[in-house]
Amino acid sequence: MSTPYRCPNCKTNRSRFNLIQQLPHPVKMDPNSGEIVQEYSQNDLDPFHIPYKGPELKVQCGVCGLVEDERTFIKFGEQQM
């Protein structure tokens, strides 16, 4: 289902947005060099590696540049001006 957005910062933009997909890539890095030592799949993490639980989608206002969770833009889109 489509839902109208409105920017909570500039409060006027209702049509220009950038949709940002969050695709986590779990890795283990060397603490000194920053090199990737090991790559994991989402189903094969070691016991000390917490899986990503953040939003799958973020939204950026195409007018003022604010980046927030999609639900923030949806809530402002539901309000009447």
Protein backbone atom coordinates (compact mmCIF):
# COMPACT_ATOMS: atom_id res chain seq x y z
CA MET A 1 0.00 0.00 0.00
CA SER A 2 1.30 3.46 -0.87
CA THR A 3 1.55 6.03 1.88
CA PRO A 4 2.04 9.80 1.50
CA TYR A 5 5.24 11.31 2.91
CA ARG A 6 5.95 14.80 4.20
CA CYS A 7 9.30 16.09 5.46
CA PRO A 8 9.26 16.77 9.22
CA ASN A 9 12.07 19.32 8.85
CA CYS A 10 11.09 21.63 5.98
CA LYS A 11 7.38 20.68 6.36
CA THR A 12 6.53 21.55 2.76
CA ASN A 13 8.06 18.76 0.67
CA ARG A 14 5.52 16.06 -0.14
CA SER A 15 6.91 14.79 -3.45
CA ARG A 16 10.75 14.68 -3.72
CA PHE A 17 12.52 11.98 -1.72
CA ASN A 18 15.46 9.58 -1.94
CA LEU A 19 14.72 6.04 -0.71
CA ILE A 20 17.82 4.47 0.86
CA GLN A 21 17.91 0.69 1.24
CA GLN A 22 19.82 -0.57 4.25
CA LEU A 23 21.73 -3.73 3.26
CA PRO A 24 23.93 -4.84 6.17
CA HIS A 25 27.18 -6.64 5.37
CA PRO A 26 28.55 -8.23 8.57
CA VAL A 27 32.36 -8.32 8.75
CA LYS A 28 35.16 -8.71 11.27
CA MET A 29 37.90 -6.08 10.95
CA ASP A 30 41.49 -5.96 12.16
CA PRO A 31 41.47 -3.32 14.94
CA ASN A 32 44.88 -1.92 13.93
CA SER A 33 44.78 -1.84 10.14
CA GLY A 34 41.03 -1.72 9.47
CA GLU A 35 41.34 -4.57 6.97
CA ILE A 36 38.44 -6.99 6.69
CA VAL A 37 39.57 -10.26 8.28
CA GLN A 38 36.35 -12.25 7.91
CA GLU A 39 33.00 -11.81 6.17
CA TYR A 40 29.83 -13.35 7.55
CA SER A 41 26.42 -14.17 6.16
CA GLN A 42 23.36 -13.05 8.13
CA ASN A 43 22.72 -16.69 9.12
CA ASP A 44 26.32 -17.52 10.07
CA LEU A 45 27.38 -14.90 12.64
CA ASP A 46 29.71 -15.76 15.50
CA PRO A 47 28.30 -15.60 19.07
CA PHE A 48 29.71 -12.10 19.71
CA HIS A 49 28.32 -10.55 16.52
CA ILE A 50 24.81 -9.11 16.92
CA PRO A 51 22.70 -9.21 13.73
CA TYR A 52 21.50 -5.89 12.27
CA LYS A 53 18.03 -5.03 13.55
CA GLY A 54 17.65 -1.53 12.14
CA PRO A 55 15.21 -0.34 9.49
CA GLU A 56 15.38 -1.78 5.98
CA LEU A 57 14.55 1.61 4.49
CA LYS A 58 15.54 5.19 5.27
CA VAL A 59 14.22 8.27 3.51
CA GLN A 60 16.05 11.48 2.57
CA CYS A 61 14.15 14.67 1.81
CA GLY A 62 14.96 15.81 -1.71
CA VAL A 63 14.63 19.47 -0.66
CA CYS A 64 16.46 19.92 2.67
CA GLY A 65 18.46 16.66 2.84
CA LEU A 66 17.10 15.33 6.16
CA VAL A 67 17.62 11.54 6.53
CA GLU A 68 15.26 9.68 8.90
CA ASP A 69 13.39 6.40 9.26
CA GLU A 70 10.53 5.97 6.83
CA ARG A 71 7.92 5.99 9.63
CA THR A 72 8.88 9.59 10.53
CA PHE A 73 8.01 10.78 7.01
CA ILE A 74 4.83 8.67 7.02
CA LYS A 75 3.60 10.15 10.32
CA PHE A 76 4.09 13.70 9.02
CA GLY A 77 2.40 12.72 5.76
CA GLU A 78 -0.70 11.61 7.67
CA GLN A 79 -1.09 15.02 9.34
CA GLN A 80 -3.15 17.66 7.57
CA MET A 81 -1.46 20.99 6.96
